Amino acid sequence: MEKETILAKDLVTVEEGKISLDAACKKLLVNKIILARILKECVEEYRECVLSEIEENYIEGMENTSQEAVHRDEIPLIRGSRNEDSAMEEGTVTYDIRFHALAPHPAGVDGEKEAMQPKRTVRLNMDVEGQTDFYPGYPLPKRGIYYGSRMISSQYGRVFVNSHYEKIEKVYSIWVCINPPAYRRNSINRYTFHEEQLYGKIEEKKENYDLIAVIMICLGDEEAADCVGLLRLLSVLFSIRKNAEEKKKILESEFSVRMTQQLEGAIGEMCNFSKYVVEMATKSGLEQGMKEGLEKGMERGIERGMEKGMENAILASVRNLLKNTDMTLEQVMNALEIPEEEKAVYAGRLDQAGRTPHPSLFFH
C-alpha cells in the first residue's frame, strides 16, 4: 500500500490536470530560490550569509537540485536525503521535503588565525513541511519536535555508531502553515534548547546541546501591514487571490526573485489549484443555496398544504350548516369562529363554486 504523505488528510485532487494541494505546496517549497530565503530568515546559522551563497553553496553542499521530474505527478525532490524514516518500534515518518545543508562554522576565539584557515562548515539536517490544518487534533509544535527527534535517532548507523554521540548533526523541522488561525497569522516562532545555569557559572558549548530547532511560519493576508519580508513572500506565493502574473511581478520587483522555468511552473500550478478551490467553493455555495431553498420550499409547501386542508374543512362545514339549518352565512361564520378578515375569502370560494345562497339569506 502506498505510504501517505504529511498532507494526505488535506489532499484535494483537481480533476483537470490532477493537481493537488500537496503537490502544489511541494513544488513551490522545493525550489532552492525559496528555500534559501526561508533558511536566511529562520535559521540562525545563515543569518549573516547572502542569499546567493546559501542557494549556490550551502543547500545540499555543492550539488544541484534535479530540474526534471521522473513522472509528471512526481515532485523534483532535493537529492541527499531519504524522505522516509522507518523504525521497527516507531513506525514510518514521511517528510515533505528533507535535505542536507552546509552552514559556515562559527569563528573561533583567535579570529585572525581562523581567518587564515579554509572556511569550515557544519552539516545540518533539514525538514520543510507544508501544513494547511494548524489544529489537526494535537499541538503542531509537538509534531515538529517528534520529527526532529526522529531525524536525530535516524542518524545512528549513518552519521555515528556505538557511543560517538559527538558526531550527531543538528536538525531543523520547519513548518509553513498556509491557513493558520487569525491570532497566529503573520508570525514566525522558533522552539529550541537553552542552557540554564541553576548553580555555578559553567557554560557548555552551545553546539553540544543545541541539536533540535522547530520553526513555525504562519502565513496571513499578503496585503496586511504586518505581513513583511519572508511572510509576505510566502503569503503571495500561496495566495488564492492573485494570479500567476501578479505573483511573479511582486516576487521580481519586491524580492528580486529571478524566475526559473521550475519556479514559474510551480507558481502556475498553485494558481490553477487556487482557481479550482474558488470554483469549487462557489459551486458548493450555489448547490447548498439550492438545497436550502428546496428544503424551505418543501417546508412552505407542507405548511401551505395544511392551511389548504384546514380551509377546505371549514368550507365544508359552512356548506353543511347552510344546507341543514336556517342560519345565514354570517351566522354560520360566527358560529365557526371564522376571523373577520377571512370571511370574504370563504364567501368568495362559495360563490366561485356556484353554491352560494341568495344574498338575501346572508343576513336577517
Protein backbone atom coordinates (compact mmCIF):
# COMPACT_ATOMS: atom_id res chain seq x y z
CA MET A 1 0.00 0.00 0.00
CA GLU A 2 1.32 3.45 -0.89
CA LYS A 3 2.50 5.46 2.10
CA GLU A 4 0.51 8.59 2.93
CA THR A 5 2.27 11.95 2.81
CA ILE A 6 2.08 14.51 5.60
CA LEU A 7 -0.65 16.39 3.76
CA ALA A 8 -2.60 13.27 2.79
CA LYS A 9 -5.58 14.18 5.00
CA ASP A 10 -5.75 17.58 3.31
CA LEU A 11 -5.24 16.24 -0.20
CA VAL A 12 -7.67 17.70 -2.72
CA THR A 13 -7.30 16.47 -6.28
CA VAL A 14 -8.12 18.71 -9.18
CA GLU A 15 -9.91 16.63 -11.79
CA GLU A 16 -8.42 18.58 -14.68
CA GLY A 17 -4.63 18.29 -14.52
CA LYS A 18 -4.51 16.08 -11.42
CA ILE A 19 -3.10 18.96 -9.38
CA SER A 20 -3.19 18.51 -5.60
CA LEU A 21 -2.56 20.87 -2.72
CA ASP A 22 0.16 18.52 -1.55
CA ALA A 23 1.97 18.63 -4.89
CA ALA A 24 1.44 22.36 -5.39
CA CYS A 25 2.94 23.15 -1.97
CA LYS A 26 5.95 20.93 -2.50
CA LYS A 27 6.70 22.27 -5.95
CA LEU A 28 6.91 25.77 -4.53
CA LEU A 29 8.86 24.97 -1.37
CA VAL A 30 11.34 22.61 -3.03
CA ASN A 31 12.85 25.46 -5.08
CA LYS A 32 16.29 26.48 -3.83
CA ILE A 33 15.37 30.10 -4.52
CA ILE A 34 12.58 29.85 -1.93
CA LEU A 35 14.42 27.56 0.46
CA ALA A 36 17.38 29.96 0.61
CA ARG A 37 15.10 32.76 1.83
CA ILE A 38 13.50 30.53 4.44
CA LEU A 39 16.92 29.47 5.73
CA LYS A 40 18.29 33.01 5.89
CA GLU A 41 15.24 34.34 7.75
CA CYS A 42 14.69 31.45 10.17
CA VAL A 43 17.95 29.52 10.63
CA GLU A 44 20.49 31.34 12.77
CA GLU A 45 23.44 29.67 11.04
CA TYR A 46 22.60 31.58 7.85
CA ARG A 47 21.69 34.98 9.30
CA GLU A 48 24.95 36.57 8.12
CA CYS A 49 25.05 34.83 4.74
CA VAL A 50 23.97 36.35 1.45
CA LEU A 51 21.14 34.61 -0.38
CA SER A 52 23.19 33.58 -3.39
CA GLU A 53 25.75 31.94 -1.11
CA ILE A 54 23.07 29.90 0.65
CA GLU A 55 21.41 28.89 -2.60
CA GLU A 56 24.53 28.02 -4.57
CA ASN A 57 26.97 26.76 -1.92
CA TYR A 58 25.14 25.55 1.16
CA ILE A 59 21.90 23.78 0.25
CA GLU A 60 22.97 20.15 -0.22
CA GLY A 61 26.59 21.26 -0.33
CA MET A 62 27.68 21.86 -3.92
CA GLU A 63 25.09 19.57 -5.55
CA ASN A 64 22.42 20.93 -7.87
CA THR A 65 18.75 20.17 -7.47
CA SER A 66 17.33 17.98 -10.20
CA GLN A 67 15.20 20.06 -12.55
CA GLU A 68 13.33 17.12 -14.03
CA ALA A 69 10.60 15.02 -12.50
CA VAL A 70 10.72 11.30 -13.19
CA HIS A 71 6.96 11.31 -13.69
CA ARG A 72 4.52 14.09 -14.42
CA ASP A 73 2.94 13.91 -10.96
CA GLU A 74 6.20 13.42 -9.04
CA ILE A 75 7.91 16.26 -7.21
CA PRO A 76 11.56 17.03 -8.11
CA LEU A 77 12.93 16.37 -4.63
CA ILE A 78 16.29 17.65 -3.48
CA ARG A 79 18.90 14.94 -3.53
CA GLY A 80 20.80 13.82 -0.48
CA SER A 81 18.20 12.53 2.00
CA ARG A 82 15.56 9.85 2.13
CA ASN A 83 12.06 11.21 2.64
CA GLU A 84 11.04 8.16 4.66
CA ASP A 85 12.33 7.28 8.11
CA SER A 86 11.40 3.78 9.31
CA ALA A 87 11.90 2.25 12.72
CA MET A 88 10.52 -1.14 13.75
CA GLU A 89 9.04 0.07 17.02
CA GLU A 90 8.19 3.65 15.99
CA GLY A 91 6.59 3.25 12.59
CA THR A 92 7.34 5.26 9.45
CA VAL A 93 7.55 9.03 9.16
CA THR A 94 7.26 10.52 5.68
CA TYR A 95 8.68 14.02 5.37
CA ASP A 96 7.54 16.55 2.77
CA ILE A 97 10.97 17.94 1.87
CA ARG A 98 14.07 16.62 3.58
CA PHE A 99 17.62 17.58 2.66
CA HIS A 100 21.09 18.27 3.99
CA ALA A 101 22.61 21.73 4.10
CA LEU A 102 26.05 23.05 4.96
CA ALA A 103 26.48 26.14 7.12
CA PRO A 104 29.51 28.25 8.00
CA HIS A 105 31.00 27.22 11.31
CA PRO A 106 31.13 30.00 13.96
CA ALA A 107 34.52 31.77 14.16
CA GLY A 108 36.92 30.63 16.88
CA VAL A 109 38.45 32.68 19.65
CA ASP A 110 41.52 33.52 17.63
CA GLY A 111 39.79 35.41 14.83
CA GLU A 112 42.99 36.25 12.95
CA LYS A 113 44.20 32.64 12.96
CA GLU A 114 40.72 31.41 12.00
CA ALA A 115 40.59 33.82 9.08
CA MET A 116 43.74 32.29 7.61
CA GLN A 117 42.23 28.82 7.59
CA PRO A 118 39.83 27.48 4.92
CA LYS A 119 36.23 28.25 5.83
CA ARG A 120 34.86 25.38 7.88
CA THR A 121 31.30 24.17 7.63
CA VAL A 122 28.88 22.10 9.69
CA ARG A 123 26.20 19.89 8.20
CA LEU A 124 22.55 20.44 9.10
CA ASN A 125 19.59 18.12 8.56
CA MET A 126 16.56 19.97 7.21
CA ASP A 127 12.88 19.08 7.06
CA VAL A 128 10.41 21.53 5.48
CA GLU A 129 6.69 20.77 5.83
CA GLY A 130 3.66 22.44 4.24
CA GLN A 131 0.65 22.38 6.57
CA THR A 132 -2.92 23.54 5.93
CA ASP A 133 -4.51 22.42 9.20
CA PHE A 134 -2.98 24.14 12.24
CA TYR A 135 -5.11 22.10 14.67
CA PRO A 136 -5.13 18.52 13.32
CA GLY A 137 -6.08 17.14 16.76
CA TYR A 138 -2.79 17.86 18.54
CA PRO A 139 -0.38 20.82 19.05
CA LEU A 140 1.64 21.19 15.86
CA PRO A 141 4.91 22.17 17.66
CA LYS A 142 4.88 18.75 19.37
CA ARG A 143 4.76 17.05 15.98
CA GLY A 144 7.69 19.21 14.88
CA ILE A 145 9.70 18.14 17.94
CA TYR A 146 8.86 14.50 17.21
CA TYR A 147 10.01 14.86 13.61
CA GLY A 148 13.24 16.50 14.77
CA SER A 149 13.82 13.72 17.31
CA ARG A 150 13.32 11.07 14.64
CA MET A 151 15.83 12.84 12.39
CA ILE A 152 18.38 12.65 15.19
CA SER A 153 17.71 9.00 16.04
CA SER A 154 17.87 8.08 12.34
CA GLN A 155 21.49 9.29 12.24
CA TYR A 156 22.59 6.21 14.16
CA GLY A 157 24.35 3.85 11.81
CA ARG A 158 24.75 6.55 9.12
CA VAL A 159 26.33 9.51 10.89
CA PHE A 160 27.56 7.86 14.08
CA VAL A 161 27.84 4.39 15.59
CA ASN A 162 28.33 2.98 19.06
CA SER A 163 28.83 5.85 21.52
CA HIS A 164 30.14 8.54 19.17
CA TYR A 165 27.39 10.99 20.04
CA GLU A 166 29.75 13.87 19.35
CA LYS A 167 29.04 13.32 15.65
CA ILE A 168 25.30 13.98 15.92
CA GLU A 169 24.23 16.68 13.46
CA LYS A 170 21.75 19.44 14.26
CA VAL A 171 18.25 19.13 12.81
CA TYR A 172 15.64 21.69 11.81
CA SER A 173 11.95 20.99 11.33
CA ILE A 174 10.38 23.98 9.55
CA TRP A 175 6.61 24.20 9.16
CA VAL A 176 4.95 26.55 6.67
CA CYS A 177 1.38 26.91 7.93
CA ILE A 178 -0.72 28.10 5.00
CA ASN A 179 -4.04 28.65 6.77
CA PRO A 180 -3.40 29.32 10.49
CA PRO A 181 -6.00 30.73 12.91
CA ALA A 182 -6.33 34.52 12.98
CA TYR A 183 -4.30 35.03 16.15
CA ARG A 184 -1.29 33.16 14.69
CA ARG A 185 -1.23 34.85 11.28
CA ASN A 186 1.90 36.71 10.16
CA SER A 187 4.14 35.18 12.82
CA ILE A 188 7.32 33.13 12.97
CA ASN A 189 8.16 31.18 16.14
CA ARG A 190 11.27 29.13 16.88
CA TYR A 191 11.50 26.44 19.56
CA THR A 192 14.99 25.42 20.72
CA PHE A 193 17.03 24.03 23.63
CA HIS A 194 18.64 26.53 26.02
CA GLU A 195 21.11 26.07 28.85
CA GLU A 196 20.11 27.15 32.37
CA GLN A 197 22.81 27.71 34.98
CA LEU A 198 21.00 26.58 38.11
CA TYR A 199 24.17 26.75 40.23
CA GLY A 200 27.65 27.96 39.32
CA LYS A 201 28.80 29.71 36.16
CA ILE A 202 29.89 26.83 33.96
CA GLU A 203 28.88 27.14 30.32
CA GLU A 204 28.68 24.18 27.97
CA LYS A 205 29.46 24.71 24.30
CA LYS A 206 26.19 25.52 22.57
CA GLU A 207 26.92 23.06 19.76
CA ASN A 208 26.78 20.19 22.29
CA TYR A 209 23.12 20.70 23.22
CA ASP A 210 21.62 22.91 20.53
CA LEU A 211 20.60 20.00 18.32
CA ILE A 212 16.87 20.50 17.57
CA ALA A 213 15.05 23.57 16.35
CA VAL A 214 11.38 23.67 15.34
CA ILE A 215 10.14 26.68 13.41
CA MET A 216 6.51 27.60 12.79
CA ILE A 217 5.93 30.04 9.92
CA CYS A 218 2.29 31.14 9.99
CA LEU A 219 1.20 32.99 6.87
CA GLY A 220 -1.54 35.61 6.63
CA ASP A 221 -3.08 38.26 4.42
CA GLU A 222 -0.35 39.31 2.00
CA GLU A 223 -1.69 42.89 2.00
CA ALA A 224 -1.72 43.30 5.79
CA ALA A 225 0.64 45.90 7.27
CA ASP A 226 2.42 43.32 9.43
CA CYS A 227 2.94 40.92 6.55
CA VAL A 228 6.51 41.76 5.56
CA GLY A 229 9.72 40.03 4.47
CA LEU A 230 9.55 36.26 4.26
CA LEU A 231 5.93 36.26 5.44
CA ARG A 232 4.84 38.44 2.53
CA LEU A 233 6.89 36.45 0.03
CA LEU A 234 5.33 33.14 1.10
CA SER A 235 1.85 34.61 1.55
CA VAL A 236 1.99 35.94 -2.01
CA LEU A 237 3.16 32.55 -3.29
CA PHE A 238 0.24 30.74 -1.64
CA SER A 239 -2.37 33.45 -2.21
CA ILE A 240 -5.65 32.36 -3.81
CA ARG A 241 -6.50 35.95 -4.77
CA LYS A 242 -3.56 36.70 -7.07
CA ASN A 243 -2.93 35.18 -10.46
CA ALA A 244 0.43 33.91 -11.67
CA GLU A 245 1.44 37.16 -13.40
CA GLU A 246 0.68 39.23 -10.28
CA LYS A 247 2.70 36.85 -8.13
CA LYS A 248 5.69 36.88 -10.48
CA LYS A 249 5.63 40.67 -10.67
CA ILE A 250 5.68 41.02 -6.86
CA LEU A 251 8.42 38.41 -6.44
CA GLU A 252 10.62 40.08 -9.04
CA SER A 253 10.04 43.72 -8.05
CA GLU A 254 9.93 43.41 -4.24
CA PHE A 255 12.19 40.44 -3.58
CA SER A 256 14.44 40.31 -6.65
CA VAL A 257 13.47 36.69 -7.17
CA ARG A 258 14.62 35.51 -10.58
CA MET A 259 12.08 33.41 -12.40
CA THR A 260 13.20 29.94 -13.41
CA GLN A 261 11.18 27.52 -15.50
CA GLN A 262 10.69 25.32 -12.46
CA LEU A 263 9.52 28.16 -10.21
CA GLU A 264 7.18 29.59 -12.86
CA GLY A 265 5.66 26.15 -13.33
CA ALA A 266 5.15 25.74 -9.58
CA ILE A 267 3.50 29.16 -9.32
CA GLY A 268 1.24 28.29 -12.24
CA GLU A 269 0.13 25.04 -10.64
CA MET A 270 -0.59 26.74 -7.32
CA CYS A 271 -2.70 29.35 -9.15
CA ASN A 272 -4.55 26.59 -11.01
CA PHE A 273 -5.21 24.87 -7.72
CA SER A 274 -6.37 28.13 -6.10
CA LYS A 275 -8.69 28.80 -9.04
CA TYR A 276 -10.11 25.30 -8.67
CA VAL A 277 -10.67 25.83 -4.93
CA VAL A 278 -12.54 29.08 -5.59
CA GLU A 279 -14.64 27.49 -8.33
CA MET A 280 -15.47 24.50 -6.15
CA ALA A 281 -16.34 26.78 -3.21
CA THR A 282 -18.63 28.83 -5.46
CA LYS A 283 -20.24 25.71 -6.88
CA SER A 284 -20.63 24.27 -3.42
CA GLY A 285 -22.21 27.52 -2.23
CA LEU A 286 -24.70 27.50 -5.10
CA GLU A 287 -25.56 23.86 -4.52
CA GLN A 288 -26.01 24.50 -0.80
CA GLY A 289 -28.19 27.51 -1.56
CA MET A 290 -30.36 25.48 -3.93
CA LYS A 291 -30.62 22.69 -1.37
CA GLU A 292 -31.63 25.09 1.37
CA GLY A 293 -34.09 26.80 -0.99
CA LEU A 294 -35.63 23.46 -1.91
CA GLU A 295 -35.89 22.43 1.71
CA LYS A 296 -37.54 25.72 2.61
CA GLY A 297 -39.82 25.40 -0.42
CA MET A 298 -40.88 21.92 0.64
CA GLU A 299 -41.39 23.13 4.19
CA ARG A 300 -43.51 26.03 2.94
CA GLY A 301 -45.40 23.66 0.64
CA ILE A 302 -46.27 21.41 3.54
CA GLU A 303 -47.41 24.38 5.58
CA ARG A 304 -49.49 25.65 2.66
CA GLY A 305 -50.96 22.18 2.16
CA MET A 306 -52.03 22.04 5.79
CA GLU A 307 -53.52 25.52 5.50
CA LYS A 308 -55.39 24.47 2.37
CA GLY A 309 -56.73 21.35 4.08
CA MET A 310 -57.97 23.40 7.00
CA GLU A 311 -59.66 25.89 4.66
CA ASN A 312 -61.41 23.04 2.82
CA ALA A 313 -62.64 21.53 6.10
CA ILE A 314 -64.03 24.87 7.27
CA LEU A 315 -65.64 25.45 3.87
CA ALA A 316 -67.32 22.02 4.05
CA SER A 317 -68.68 22.88 7.49
CA VAL A 318 -70.07 26.18 6.18
CA ARG A 319 -71.84 24.37 3.34
CA ASN A 320 -73.33 21.73 5.65
CA LEU A 321 -74.64 24.29 8.11
CA LEU A 322 -76.13 26.42 5.36
CA LYS A 323 -77.82 23.34 3.86
CA ASN A 324 -79.15 21.81 7.04
CA THR A 325 -80.05 24.84 9.14
CA ASP A 326 -81.86 28.12 8.77
CA MET A 327 -78.74 30.08 9.70
CA THR A 328 -77.49 32.82 7.43
CA LEU A 329 -73.93 32.79 6.07
CA GLU A 330 -72.93 35.44 8.59
CA GLN A 331 -74.34 33.40 11.46
CA VAL A 332 -72.59 30.25 10.24
CA MET A 333 -69.24 32.05 10.03
CA ASN A 334 -69.69 33.48 13.50
CA ALA A 335 -70.64 30.08 14.88
CA LEU A 336 -67.46 28.58 13.36
CA GLU A 337 -65.44 31.50 14.76
CA ILE A 338 -64.04 32.45 11.35
CA PRO A 339 -61.95 35.63 11.71
CA GLU A 340 -63.47 38.79 10.18
CA GLU A 341 -60.57 39.18 7.72
CA GLU A 342 -61.18 35.64 6.35
CA LYS A 343 -64.97 35.76 5.95
CA ALA A 344 -64.77 37.37 2.49
CA VAL A 345 -62.37 34.61 1.35
CA TYR A 346 -64.81 31.84 2.27
CA ALA A 347 -67.74 33.76 0.77
CA GLY A 348 -65.77 34.15 -2.45
CA ARG A 349 -64.96 30.45 -2.61
CA LEU A 350 -68.63 29.53 -2.11
CA ASP A 351 -69.62 31.93 -4.85
CA GLN A 352 -66.99 30.54 -7.29
CA ALA A 353 -68.34 27.02 -6.70
CA GLY A 354 -71.86 28.16 -7.56
CA ARG A 355 -73.18 27.08 -4.22
CA THR A 356 -73.58 30.43 -2.53
CA PRO A 357 -77.11 31.04 -1.18
CA HIS A 358 -79.03 34.02 -2.43
CA PRO A 359 -77.62 37.24 -0.99
CA SER A 360 -80.87 37.86 0.84
CA LEU A 361 -80.13 34.87 3.04
CA PHE A 362 -76.83 36.23 4.27
CA PHE A 363 -78.39 38.46 6.85
CA HIS A 364 -81.77 38.57 8.62
